[in-house]
Amino acid sequence: MNTHRYSRRHLLRMAMTTAAAGVTSPLRARDRPANMTFINDPFRLGVASGDPTPDGAVLWTRLAPSPLDPDGGMPRHPVEVAWEIATDAGFGRIVKTGRTIAGPEAAHTAHVELSGLPAGQPYFYRFHAGSATSPVGRFATAAAYGSRIDHLRLAWASCQHYEQGFFTPYRDMVAQDPDVVIHTGDYIYESSWGPQIRRQVVPEPYTLNDYRRLHAQYKLDPDLQAAHRAAPWLFIWDDHEVDNDYAGNVGEEADVSVEEFFRRRVAAYTAYFEHLPLRRRSAVTPEGTMRIWGQSTFGDLAGVFLTDGRQFRSPLACPTATDRGGRLIPASCADLADEARTYLGARQERWLQRSFGQGPATWNLLVQPTLFSPLHGETLAREPVVWSDGWSGYPAARQRLTQVLARRDDANPIVLGGDTHCYWVSDVKTDYRDEAAKPVGAEFVTTSITSLRGGYEQISALLPQNPHIKHFDNREHGYGLVDLYRDRAEVDLRVVETPRTRAGSKAHSQARFVVEAGNPGVSAA
């Protein structure tokens, strides 16, 4: 990730010449964890890496020879897991080894936080348990803070409903060889709905075992596993990791108490942490909270600000007696005028106010779950309406954050999102009603990996009333690709023919866009 990207061929060339972090010998058979017998391959859920830093990353795996069983097919005692880091895929040059314990209290998951590696270097990794060895994954440490890099490739994805298709867009993502993958939420879906290409093992999860089984089933998808092996990931969540349209401690269903929903949320958060390469600081606290927001920096080129738009937000505006979830509400709803209502919570807002755009990066990416810019023109009984679960349901909070984006002329803000199962490309403005107002940032929202969405004609009819929206399409599935250079950002909206069959994964570009450094408006490529 230093002054150029590392292709697979380059990784292999580097493997022959790079020695890092003090070369050590590979694990000998007698040095591996105690030889125990598994009923199946314990590494069926694959491996993953995440949160790359200049001196390390997080490595993940879960021992689960029977992944869909409540206990994963594992015994009720801890198991020692060994790990290895190498500069070559064949592990001829091992640079770091270690051991960790995977216990039943955490579903026999392993989270290894690496440190002490050189910045901007590629590595391969694998795990051992008993006589079993995991698949090989790869990652690269981030470039040193403030060091010059000229190119960084980021992919971002959202909304992967297991039942509604295969995760074939990840096949093209792997072929595009991104440095980092960002997931903007709805990594799993808590509900079964729509046409079923395949069926979820748990139609509606409520307990920790339910969520564990659901995460395990998603992880069994071979294309998702391949994407996790190919590059380190960064994560935020949206609602379906827990429950549709939840806000803070308030669930969608009005007849579910706050206490009952909170227990469900803790179960979902716990399984989420267990199944992703997250740092220990993200583990669920005794109070039932979990930190996913934070910042990643890549040399002097990119600052990535990850946000949590669910855990700390105010309840949705103007709920009904039976429904506290998202819906179209009148723009005259009194709750919308309350400036104290928050989408991110006070602590995150203060963090962004203090940190966004203040580092050495040429580009500053705000990663949030959904469409940030408004969509004007919707009417209900001839009265303007807004969608209560999105940023338009929190207009004061959106305006406060827009002012943060606009604070520095050279911050080059790019907002990334997902959630809506649509591609959106927009200019971010402080006043969307003023067509002459200059953009203060650019927004790109990815379509879904598989999740369905209708209403193309109805939404398209609103676009003339929204000149800040440069592109919209919800008819195809895929992901987004961002190439950051010192003078420009190039965005490629990638789509596949269909995710409904494994074979229908041939990919192409739906549209391409450019943002010039110092000129935050979006232009067609």
Protein backbone atom coordinates (compact mmCIF):
# COMPACT_ATOMS: atom_id res chain seq x y z
CA MET A 1 0.00 0.00 0.00
CA ASN A 2 3.02 2.26 -0.02
CA THR A 3 3.66 4.04 -3.33
CA HIS A 4 1.71 1.50 -5.37
CA ARG A 5 -0.80 -1.30 -4.89
CA TYR A 6 0.31 -4.86 -4.44
CA SER A 7 -1.12 -7.20 -7.07
CA ARG A 8 -1.01 -10.93 -6.53
CA ARG A 9 2.02 -11.18 -8.82
CA HIS A 10 3.76 -8.41 -6.92
CA LEU A 11 2.97 -10.10 -3.61
CA LEU A 12 4.67 -13.24 -4.84
CA ARG A 13 7.70 -11.27 -6.07
CA MET A 14 7.91 -9.52 -2.70
CA ALA A 15 7.69 -12.89 -0.99
CA MET A 16 11.00 -13.91 -2.55
CA THR A 17 12.90 -10.80 -1.47
CA THR A 18 11.30 -9.29 1.63
CA ALA A 19 12.38 -10.19 5.13
CA ALA A 20 10.47 -8.47 7.90
CA ALA A 21 10.03 -8.48 11.65
CA GLY A 22 12.82 -11.00 12.20
CA VAL A 23 12.54 -14.28 10.31
CA THR A 24 11.61 -17.28 12.47
CA SER A 25 11.18 -20.96 11.70
CA PRO A 26 7.78 -22.36 10.76
CA LEU A 27 5.86 -24.29 13.37
CA ARG A 28 7.07 -27.86 13.56
CA ALA A 29 4.46 -30.57 14.05
CA ARG A 30 5.35 -31.02 17.73
CA ASP A 31 5.10 -27.26 18.28
CA ARG A 32 1.55 -27.02 17.01
CA PRO A 33 -1.43 -27.07 19.38
CA ALA A 34 -2.18 -30.38 21.10
CA ASN A 35 -3.30 -32.93 18.56
CA MET A 36 -7.06 -33.30 18.92
CA THR A 37 -9.58 -34.88 16.61
CA PHE A 38 -12.34 -32.87 14.92
CA ILE A 39 -15.41 -34.45 13.34
CA ASN A 40 -14.86 -32.27 10.23
CA ASP A 41 -12.47 -29.56 9.10
CA PRO A 42 -12.61 -27.00 11.96
CA PHE A 43 -11.79 -24.12 9.58
CA ARG A 44 -14.92 -24.44 7.44
CA LEU A 45 -15.81 -20.78 8.09
CA GLY A 46 -12.53 -19.58 6.63
CA VAL A 47 -10.23 -16.80 7.79
CA ALA A 48 -10.35 -13.02 7.69
CA SER A 49 -8.26 -9.95 8.42
CA GLY A 50 -9.30 -6.44 9.36
CA ASP A 51 -8.36 -2.97 10.58
CA PRO A 52 -4.91 -2.66 8.99
CA THR A 53 -2.52 -0.33 10.81
CA PRO A 54 1.06 0.68 9.94
CA ASP A 55 2.38 -2.13 12.12
CA GLY A 56 -0.27 -4.83 11.99
CA ALA A 57 -3.86 -5.93 11.54
CA VAL A 58 -6.45 -8.20 13.16
CA LEU A 59 -6.64 -11.84 12.12
CA TRP A 60 -9.78 -13.93 12.64
CA THR A 61 -11.02 -17.47 12.44
CA ARG A 62 -13.59 -19.67 14.18
CA LEU A 63 -13.26 -23.35 14.91
CA ALA A 64 -16.55 -24.89 13.78
CA PRO A 65 -16.48 -28.39 12.28
CA SER A 66 -20.31 -28.35 12.31
CA PRO A 67 -20.99 -24.63 11.78
CA LEU A 68 -24.79 -24.74 11.88
CA ASP A 69 -24.96 -26.60 15.18
CA PRO A 70 -25.53 -24.38 18.22
CA ASP A 71 -22.04 -25.19 19.54
CA GLY A 72 -20.40 -25.37 16.11
CA GLY A 73 -19.59 -29.02 16.74
CA MET A 74 -16.91 -28.09 19.27
CA PRO A 75 -16.27 -29.47 22.78
CA ARG A 76 -17.09 -27.44 25.87
CA HIS A 77 -13.48 -26.62 26.62
CA PRO A 78 -10.88 -24.18 25.24
CA VAL A 79 -8.71 -25.11 22.28
CA GLU A 80 -5.28 -23.72 21.52
CA VAL A 81 -4.86 -22.19 18.07
CA ALA A 82 -1.51 -21.34 16.48
CA TRP A 83 -0.98 -18.72 13.80
CA GLU A 84 1.78 -17.89 11.33
CA ILE A 85 2.65 -14.78 9.28
CA ALA A 86 4.82 -15.11 6.17
CA THR A 87 6.04 -12.98 3.29
CA ASP A 88 5.20 -15.74 0.79
CA ALA A 89 2.08 -17.81 0.11
CA GLY A 90 4.04 -21.04 0.55
CA PHE A 91 5.21 -19.98 4.04
CA GLY A 92 8.86 -20.46 3.21
CA ARG A 93 9.73 -17.24 5.06
CA ILE A 94 7.84 -17.10 8.36
CA VAL A 95 8.21 -13.71 10.06
CA LYS A 96 5.94 -14.08 13.08
CA THR A 97 4.20 -16.88 14.95
CA GLY A 98 2.04 -17.13 18.02
CA ARG A 99 -0.73 -18.90 19.88
CA THR A 100 -4.12 -17.95 21.19
CA ILE A 101 -6.98 -19.66 22.96
CA ALA A 102 -10.38 -20.20 21.33
CA GLY A 103 -12.91 -20.87 24.06
CA PRO A 104 -16.56 -21.95 24.13
CA GLU A 105 -17.65 -18.70 25.78
CA ALA A 106 -16.80 -16.93 22.48
CA ALA A 107 -17.92 -19.71 20.12
CA HIS A 108 -14.30 -20.84 19.74
CA THR A 109 -13.37 -17.72 17.78
CA ALA A 110 -9.84 -16.35 17.58
CA HIS A 111 -8.97 -12.65 17.30
CA VAL A 112 -5.23 -12.02 16.89
CA GLU A 113 -4.10 -8.39 17.06
CA LEU A 114 -0.79 -8.14 15.24
CA SER A 115 1.80 -5.45 15.94
CA GLY A 116 5.48 -4.88 15.30
CA LEU A 117 5.40 -5.40 11.53
CA PRO A 118 6.90 -2.91 9.04
CA ALA A 119 4.50 -0.42 7.43
CA GLY A 120 3.20 -0.80 3.89
CA GLN A 121 4.15 -4.45 3.45
CA PRO A 122 2.15 -7.47 2.21
CA TYR A 123 1.81 -10.66 4.25
CA PHE A 124 0.15 -14.07 4.22
CA TYR A 125 -1.32 -15.78 7.29
CA ARG A 126 -2.85 -19.07 8.39
CA PHE A 127 -3.98 -20.90 11.54
CA HIS A 128 -3.42 -24.39 12.96
CA ALA A 129 -5.56 -26.37 15.41
CA GLY A 130 -4.69 -29.96 16.17
CA SER A 131 -3.62 -31.50 12.89
CA ALA A 132 -5.81 -29.11 10.86
CA THR A 133 -4.54 -26.08 8.94
CA SER A 134 -6.72 -23.20 7.75
CA PRO A 135 -6.89 -21.64 4.30
CA VAL A 136 -4.32 -18.93 3.63
CA GLY A 137 -5.32 -15.27 3.79
CA ARG A 138 -3.42 -12.14 2.88
CA PHE A 139 -3.28 -8.54 4.07
CA ALA A 140 -0.96 -5.57 3.89
CA THR A 141 -0.04 -3.24 6.71
CA ALA A 142 -1.08 0.37 6.15
CA ALA A 143 1.45 2.95 5.01
CA ALA A 144 3.05 4.90 7.84
CA TYR A 145 1.05 7.87 9.06
CA GLY A 146 1.77 10.89 6.84
CA SER A 147 4.07 9.01 4.47
CA ARG A 148 3.61 9.62 0.77
CA ILE A 149 1.52 7.14 -1.20
CA ASP A 150 0.15 7.76 -4.66
CA HIS A 151 -2.66 5.22 -5.01
CA LEU A 152 -5.08 3.31 -2.82
CA ARG A 153 -7.91 1.06 -4.02
CA LEU A 154 -10.95 0.63 -1.78
CA ALA A 155 -13.99 -1.55 -2.42
CA TRP A 156 -17.22 -1.12 -0.50
CA ALA A 157 -20.30 -3.30 -0.21
CA SER A 158 -23.64 -3.51 1.57
CA CYS A 159 -26.83 -5.52 2.03
CA GLN A 160 -26.23 -9.22 1.48
CA HIS A 161 -29.42 -11.16 2.17
CA TYR A 162 -28.53 -14.85 2.17
CA GLU A 163 -31.91 -16.02 0.90
CA GLN A 164 -32.15 -13.61 -2.04
CA GLY A 165 -29.06 -14.65 -3.94
CA PHE A 166 -25.49 -15.89 -3.96
CA PHE A 167 -22.69 -13.54 -2.98
CA THR A 168 -21.21 -13.61 -6.48
CA PRO A 169 -20.35 -9.87 -6.67
CA TYR A 170 -17.48 -10.66 -4.31
CA ARG A 171 -15.97 -12.80 -7.07
CA ASP A 172 -15.42 -9.70 -9.20
CA MET A 173 -14.28 -7.74 -6.16
CA VAL A 174 -11.48 -10.24 -5.55
CA ALA A 175 -10.48 -9.98 -9.22
CA GLN A 176 -10.22 -6.18 -8.86
CA ASP A 177 -7.60 -6.68 -6.11
CA PRO A 178 -8.58 -3.96 -3.60
CA ASP A 179 -6.20 -2.89 -0.83
CA VAL A 180 -9.07 -2.65 1.66
CA VAL A 181 -12.73 -3.69 1.67
CA ILE A 182 -15.30 -1.61 3.56
CA HIS A 183 -18.66 -3.06 4.54
CA THR A 184 -21.30 -0.40 5.22
CA GLY A 185 -23.86 -2.61 6.94
CA ASP A 186 -26.48 -5.35 6.69
CA TYR A 187 -23.77 -8.01 6.71
CA ILE A 188 -26.50 -10.44 7.78
CA TYR A 189 -30.29 -10.19 7.70
CA GLU A 190 -32.31 -10.99 10.78
CA SER A 191 -35.52 -11.69 8.89
CA SER A 192 -36.64 -14.08 6.19
CA TRP A 193 -38.51 -12.35 3.35
CA GLY A 194 -38.73 -12.16 -0.40
CA PRO A 195 -38.06 -14.89 -2.97
CA GLN A 196 -35.82 -17.59 -1.56
CA ILE A 197 -32.89 -18.72 -3.70
CA ARG A 198 -31.64 -20.48 -0.57
CA ARG A 199 -33.03 -20.58 2.97
CA GLN A 200 -31.66 -19.14 6.22
CA VAL A 201 -31.11 -21.62 9.01
CA VAL A 202 -32.85 -19.27 11.47
CA PRO A 203 -35.90 -17.43 10.08
CA GLU A 204 -35.78 -14.82 12.89
CA PRO A 205 -32.95 -14.80 15.47
CA TYR A 206 -33.46 -13.70 19.07
CA THR A 207 -30.84 -15.54 21.13
CA LEU A 208 -27.05 -15.62 20.98
CA ASN A 209 -27.12 -19.13 19.52
CA ASP A 210 -29.57 -17.97 16.85
CA TYR A 211 -27.29 -15.15 15.74
CA ARG A 212 -24.22 -17.40 15.88
CA ARG A 213 -25.84 -19.94 13.57
CA LEU A 214 -26.92 -17.20 11.16
CA HIS A 215 -23.44 -15.65 11.00
CA ALA A 216 -21.95 -19.09 10.46
CA GLN A 217 -24.29 -19.79 7.57
CA TYR A 218 -23.35 -16.53 5.85
CA LYS A 219 -19.66 -17.30 6.35
CA LEU A 220 -20.11 -20.62 4.54
CA ASP A 221 -20.65 -18.77 1.25
CA PRO A 222 -17.48 -19.44 -0.80
CA ASP A 223 -17.38 -16.04 -2.50
CA LEU A 224 -17.67 -14.19 0.81
CA GLN A 225 -14.89 -16.37 2.22
CA ALA A 226 -12.70 -15.59 -0.79
CA ALA A 227 -13.20 -11.86 -0.34
CA HIS A 228 -12.22 -12.11 3.32
CA ARG A 229 -9.07 -14.04 2.39
CA ALA A 230 -8.08 -11.53 -0.28
CA ALA A 231 -7.78 -8.28 1.70
CA PRO A 232 -8.32 -6.70 5.12
CA TRP A 233 -11.81 -5.34 5.86
CA LEU A 234 -13.27 -2.40 7.76
CA PHE A 235 -16.82 -2.59 9.11
CA ILE A 236 -19.79 -0.57 10.20
CA TRP A 237 -23.27 -1.95 10.77
CA ASP A 238 -26.78 -0.88 9.92
CA ASP A 239 -30.02 -2.34 11.28
CA HIS A 240 -30.33 -5.92 10.02
CA GLU A 241 -27.38 -7.14 12.06
CA VAL A 242 -29.91 -6.82 14.94
CA ASP A 243 -33.47 -5.90 13.89
CA ASN A 244 -35.05 -3.91 11.09
CA ASP A 245 -35.10 -0.12 11.65
CA TYR A 246 -34.05 -0.21 15.29
CA ALA A 247 -32.83 3.02 16.89
CA GLY A 248 -30.71 2.87 20.03
CA ASN A 249 -32.58 0.69 22.51
CA VAL A 250 -35.87 0.94 20.63
CA GLY A 251 -36.92 -1.91 18.36
CA GLU A 252 -39.32 -1.81 15.46
CA GLU A 253 -42.19 -3.62 17.20
CA ALA A 254 -44.15 -1.48 19.63
CA ASP A 255 -45.22 -4.43 21.79
CA VAL A 256 -41.61 -5.40 22.63
CA SER A 257 -40.27 -3.77 25.79
CA VAL A 258 -37.01 -1.83 25.85
CA GLU A 259 -35.56 -4.45 28.21
CA GLU A 260 -36.52 -7.35 25.96
CA PHE A 261 -35.15 -5.64 22.87
CA PHE A 262 -31.93 -4.74 24.69
CA ARG A 263 -31.30 -8.42 25.49
CA ARG A 264 -31.75 -9.24 21.81
CA ARG A 265 -29.40 -6.42 20.81
CA VAL A 266 -26.69 -7.69 23.17
CA ALA A 267 -27.00 -11.18 21.67
CA ALA A 268 -26.69 -9.77 18.15
CA TYR A 269 -23.74 -7.54 19.02
CA THR A 270 -21.94 -10.44 20.70
CA ALA A 271 -22.28 -12.69 17.65
CA TYR A 272 -21.26 -9.81 15.37
CA PHE A 273 -18.02 -9.31 17.30
CA GLU A 274 -17.35 -13.04 17.41
CA HIS A 275 -17.59 -13.49 13.65
CA LEU A 276 -15.59 -10.53 12.32
CA PRO A 277 -11.92 -9.45 12.53
CA LEU A 278 -12.50 -6.71 15.10
CA ARG A 279 -10.20 -5.51 17.86
CA ARG A 280 -10.71 -6.32 21.54
CA ARG A 281 -11.83 -2.73 22.10
CA SER A 282 -14.94 -3.64 20.08
CA ALA A 283 -15.96 -6.50 22.37
CA VAL A 284 -19.37 -6.05 24.00
CA THR A 285 -19.01 -4.31 27.35
CA PRO A 286 -20.72 -5.41 30.59
CA GLU A 287 -23.17 -2.58 29.93
CA GLY A 288 -24.13 -4.15 26.60
CA THR A 289 -22.54 -1.56 24.30
CA MET A 290 -20.03 -2.10 21.52
CA ARG A 291 -17.68 0.30 19.77
CA ILE A 292 -17.39 0.05 15.99
CA TRP A 293 -16.68 3.71 15.16
CA GLY A 294 -13.14 4.94 14.63
CA GLN A 295 -10.55 6.16 12.16
CA SER A 296 -8.09 4.44 9.82
CA THR A 297 -5.38 6.42 8.03
CA PHE A 298 -3.38 5.36 4.98
CA GLY A 299 -0.23 7.46 4.67
CA ASP A 300 -0.93 10.98 3.46
CA LEU A 301 -3.58 9.88 0.99
CA ALA A 302 -6.71 8.69 2.83
CA GLY A 303 -8.41 9.08 6.18
CA VAL A 304 -11.36 6.71 6.66
CA PHE A 305 -13.88 7.64 9.35
CA LEU A 306 -16.16 4.75 10.35
CA THR A 307 -19.41 5.69 12.08
CA ASP A 308 -22.15 3.92 14.05
CA GLY A 309 -25.56 5.14 12.93
CA ARG A 310 -27.68 2.77 15.05
CA GLN A 311 -26.51 2.33 18.61
CA PHE A 312 -26.69 5.95 19.73
CA ARG A 313 -29.39 7.50 17.57
CA SER A 314 -32.57 9.07 18.88
CA PRO A 315 -35.84 7.15 18.36
CA LEU A 316 -37.39 7.53 14.93
CA ALA A 317 -39.63 10.55 14.46
CA CYS A 318 -43.43 10.37 14.79
CA PRO A 319 -43.93 6.62 15.39
CA THR A 320 -47.40 5.12 15.43
CA ALA A 321 -48.96 3.22 18.30
CA THR A 322 -48.10 -0.08 16.61
CA ASP A 323 -44.98 0.66 14.56
CA ARG A 324 -41.72 2.28 15.66
CA GLY A 325 -39.89 1.43 12.44
CA GLY A 326 -39.11 3.44 9.33
CA ARG A 327 -41.94 4.86 7.23
CA LEU A 328 -42.87 7.93 5.20
CA ILE A 329 -43.88 10.69 7.60
CA PRO A 330 -45.10 14.25 6.92
CA ALA A 331 -42.33 16.81 6.69
CA SER A 332 -44.37 18.81 9.21
CA CYS A 333 -43.78 16.15 11.92
CA ALA A 334 -42.85 18.11 15.04
CA ASP A 335 -40.03 15.71 15.96
CA LEU A 336 -38.09 16.72 12.85
CA ALA A 337 -37.69 20.27 14.17
CA ASP A 338 -36.05 19.09 17.39
CA GLU A 339 -32.37 20.03 17.03
CA ALA A 340 -31.43 17.84 19.99
CA ARG A 341 -32.25 14.66 18.08
CA THR A 342 -29.13 12.83 16.96
CA TYR A 343 -28.19 10.19 14.40
CA LEU A 344 -24.69 9.41 15.68
CA GLY A 345 -24.89 10.42 19.33
CA ALA A 346 -23.12 13.30 21.03
CA ARG A 347 -19.80 11.51 21.50
CA GLN A 348 -19.41 10.59 17.82
CA GLU A 349 -20.46 14.06 16.74
CA ARG A 350 -17.78 15.59 18.97
CA TRP A 351 -15.20 13.13 17.62
CA LEU A 352 -15.97 14.04 14.00
CA GLN A 353 -15.99 17.74 14.82
CA ARG A 354 -12.54 17.34 16.36
CA SER A 355 -11.00 14.88 13.89
CA PHE A 356 -12.56 14.90 10.43
CA GLY A 357 -10.23 16.43 7.87
CA GLN A 358 -7.64 17.42 10.46
CA GLY A 359 -4.94 14.91 9.53
CA PRO A 360 -2.45 14.76 6.64
CA ALA A 361 -4.74 12.90 4.22
CA THR A 362 -5.64 14.34 0.83
CA TRP A 363 -8.97 12.47 0.89
CA ASN A 364 -11.29 12.09 3.88
CA LEU A 365 -13.94 9.39 3.62
CA LEU A 366 -17.02 9.42 5.85
CA VAL A 367 -18.39 5.87 6.04
CA GLN A 368 -22.02 5.79 7.19
CA PRO A 369 -24.78 3.28 6.56
CA THR A 370 -27.27 4.86 4.14
CA LEU A 371 -28.14 7.72 1.76
CA PHE A 372 -26.86 10.97 3.27
CA SER A 373 -28.29 13.49 0.80
CA PRO A 374 -32.04 14.18 0.74
CA LEU A 375 -34.50 12.95 -1.87
CA HIS A 376 -37.08 15.71 -2.38
CA GLY A 377 -40.45 15.40 -4.01
CA GLU A 378 -42.16 12.52 -2.25
CA THR A 379 -45.74 13.36 -1.30
CA LEU A 380 -48.38 11.80 0.89
CA ALA A 381 -51.87 13.23 0.36
CA ARG A 382 -50.14 16.13 -1.45
CA GLU A 383 -47.98 16.91 1.57
CA PRO A 384 -44.17 16.57 1.46
CA VAL A 385 -42.88 13.54 3.30
CA VAL A 386 -39.52 12.13 4.43
CA TRP A 387 -38.29 8.64 5.23
CA SER A 388 -38.05 8.52 9.01
CA ASP A 389 -35.28 5.90 9.23
CA GLY A 390 -32.77 7.82 7.06
CA TRP A 391 -30.83 11.05 7.48
CA SER A 392 -33.88 13.02 6.32
CA GLY A 393 -35.51 11.88 9.55
CA TYR A 394 -32.70 13.67 11.41
CA PRO A 395 -32.33 16.96 9.49
CA ALA A 396 -30.56 18.93 12.24
CA ALA A 397 -28.02 16.15 12.76
CA ARG A 398 -27.36 15.97 9.02
CA GLN A 399 -26.85 19.72 8.84
CA ARG A 400 -24.39 19.65 11.74
CA LEU A 401 -22.38 16.93 10.03
CA THR A 402 -22.49 18.73 6.67
CA GLN A 403 -20.94 21.75 8.34
CA VAL A 404 -18.11 19.52 9.56
CA LEU A 405 -17.53 18.29 5.99
CA ALA A 406 -17.50 21.88 4.72
CA ARG A 407 -15.11 23.21 7.34
CA ARG A 408 -11.90 22.85 5.32
CA ASP A 409 -11.58 23.58 1.61
CA ASP A 410 -8.83 21.00 1.19
CA ALA A 411 -10.45 18.12 3.13
CA ASN A 412 -11.89 16.56 -0.06
CA PRO A 413 -14.77 14.76 1.69
CA ILE A 414 -16.31 11.65 0.15
CA VAL A 415 -19.35 10.09 1.80
CA LEU A 416 -19.82 6.34 1.32
CA GLY A 417 -23.06 4.50 2.15
CA GLY A 418 -25.31 1.55 1.44
CA ASP A 419 -28.65 0.35 2.90
CA THR A 420 -31.07 1.44 0.16
CA HIS A 421 -30.26 -1.34 -2.38
CA CYS A 422 -29.68 1.46 -4.91
CA TYR A 423 -26.78 3.23 -6.52
CA TRP A 424 -26.81 6.95 -5.69
CA VAL A 425 -24.24 9.53 -6.75
CA SER A 426 -24.75 13.03 -5.35
CA ASP A 427 -23.16 16.36 -4.66
CA VAL A 428 -23.22 17.10 -0.93
CA LYS A 429 -24.39 20.64 -0.20
CA THR A 430 -25.09 22.82 2.81
CA ASP A 431 -28.30 23.98 1.06
CA TYR A 432 -29.91 21.49 -1.30
CA ARG A 433 -32.71 23.87 -2.24
CA ASP A 434 -30.21 26.30 -3.76
CA GLU A 435 -29.16 24.93 -7.14
CA ALA A 436 -26.37 27.52 -7.30
CA ALA A 437 -24.85 26.38 -4.00
CA LYS A 438 -21.43 24.85 -4.52
CA PRO A 439 -20.87 21.25 -3.41
CA VAL A 440 -18.88 20.68 -0.23
CA GLY A 441 -18.40 16.96 -0.83
CA ALA A 442 -19.28 13.97 -3.00
CA GLU A 443 -21.51 11.05 -2.05
CA PHE A 444 -21.53 7.50 -3.41
CA VAL A 445 -24.01 4.88 -2.20
CA THR A 446 -23.60 1.29 -3.34
CA THR A 447 -26.36 -1.03 -4.43
CA SER A 448 -26.88 -4.36 -2.66
CA ILE A 449 -24.92 -7.56 -3.00
CA THR A 450 -28.21 -9.49 -3.23
CA SER A 451 -31.05 -7.70 -1.39
CA LEU A 452 -34.05 -6.78 -3.52
CA ARG A 453 -35.52 -3.35 -4.22
CA GLY A 454 -38.32 -2.13 -6.47
CA GLY A 455 -39.76 1.23 -7.48
CA TYR A 456 -37.26 2.25 -10.14
CA GLU A 457 -39.80 4.24 -12.18
CA GLN A 458 -41.30 6.01 -9.17
CA ILE A 459 -37.92 7.09 -7.82
CA SER A 460 -36.61 8.07 -11.24
CA ALA A 461 -39.60 10.40 -11.66
CA LEU A 462 -38.38 12.39 -8.65
CA LEU A 463 -34.87 13.04 -9.97
CA PRO A 464 -35.71 16.29 -11.85
CA GLN A 465 -36.59 17.77 -8.47
CA ASN A 466 -33.19 16.70 -7.11
CA PRO A 467 -30.45 18.17 -9.31
CA HIS A 468 -27.81 17.34 -6.71
CA ILE A 469 -28.37 13.64 -7.54
CA LYS A 470 -26.19 12.77 -10.53
CA HIS A 471 -26.98 9.07 -10.84
CA PHE A 472 -29.55 6.59 -9.55
CA ASP A 473 -30.20 2.93 -10.38
CA ASN A 474 -31.61 0.05 -8.35
CA ARG A 475 -32.04 -2.56 -11.06
CA GLU A 476 -28.70 -4.32 -10.63
CA HIS A 477 -26.62 -5.81 -7.84
CA GLY A 478 -22.96 -5.27 -7.09
CA TYR A 479 -20.54 -3.11 -5.14
CA GLY A 480 -18.44 0.03 -5.47
CA LEU A 481 -14.76 0.55 -6.22
CA VAL A 482 -12.83 3.73 -5.35
CA ASP A 483 -9.34 4.46 -6.67
CA LEU A 484 -7.73 7.32 -4.79
CA TYR A 485 -4.90 9.26 -6.40
CA ARG A 486 -3.26 12.47 -5.28
CA ASP A 487 -5.18 14.60 -7.77
CA ARG A 488 -8.44 12.68 -8.20
CA ALA A 489 -10.75 9.92 -7.00
CA GLU A 490 -12.15 7.51 -9.58
CA VAL A 491 -15.34 5.63 -8.66
CA ASP A 492 -16.52 2.54 -10.53
CA LEU A 493 -20.03 1.21 -9.83
CA ARG A 494 -19.63 -2.52 -10.46
CA VAL A 495 -22.59 -4.82 -11.20
CA VAL A 496 -23.10 -8.50 -12.01
CA GLU A 497 -25.52 -10.06 -14.48
CA THR A 498 -27.44 -11.73 -11.67
CA PRO A 499 -26.74 -13.01 -8.15
CA ARG A 500 -29.56 -15.57 -8.51
CA THR A 501 -27.24 -18.26 -9.88
CA ARG A 502 -23.63 -19.08 -9.14
CA ALA A 503 -22.84 -18.94 -12.85
CA GLY A 504 -24.38 -15.51 -13.45
CA SER A 505 -21.55 -13.50 -11.99
CA LYS A 506 -20.04 -11.84 -15.06
CA ALA A 507 -19.39 -8.25 -14.02
CA HIS A 508 -19.19 -4.87 -15.71
CA SER A 509 -19.31 -1.16 -14.87
CA GLN A 510 -22.73 0.43 -14.58
CA ALA A 511 -21.21 3.92 -14.43
CA ARG A 512 -17.93 5.67 -13.60
CA PHE A 513 -17.32 9.02 -11.93
CA VAL A 514 -14.45 11.31 -11.00
CA VAL A 515 -13.94 13.75 -8.14
CA GLU A 516 -11.03 16.14 -8.55
CA ALA A 517 -8.99 17.06 -5.48
CA GLY A 518 -9.89 20.60 -4.47
CA ASN A 519 -13.15 20.46 -6.48
CA PRO A 520 -15.70 18.41 -4.50
CA GLY A 521 -18.37 18.12 -7.20
CA VAL A 522 -19.01 14.82 -9.00
CA SER A 523 -18.22 14.49 -12.71
CA ALA A 524 -18.89 11.63 -15.11
CA ALA A 525 -15.73 9.76 -16.07
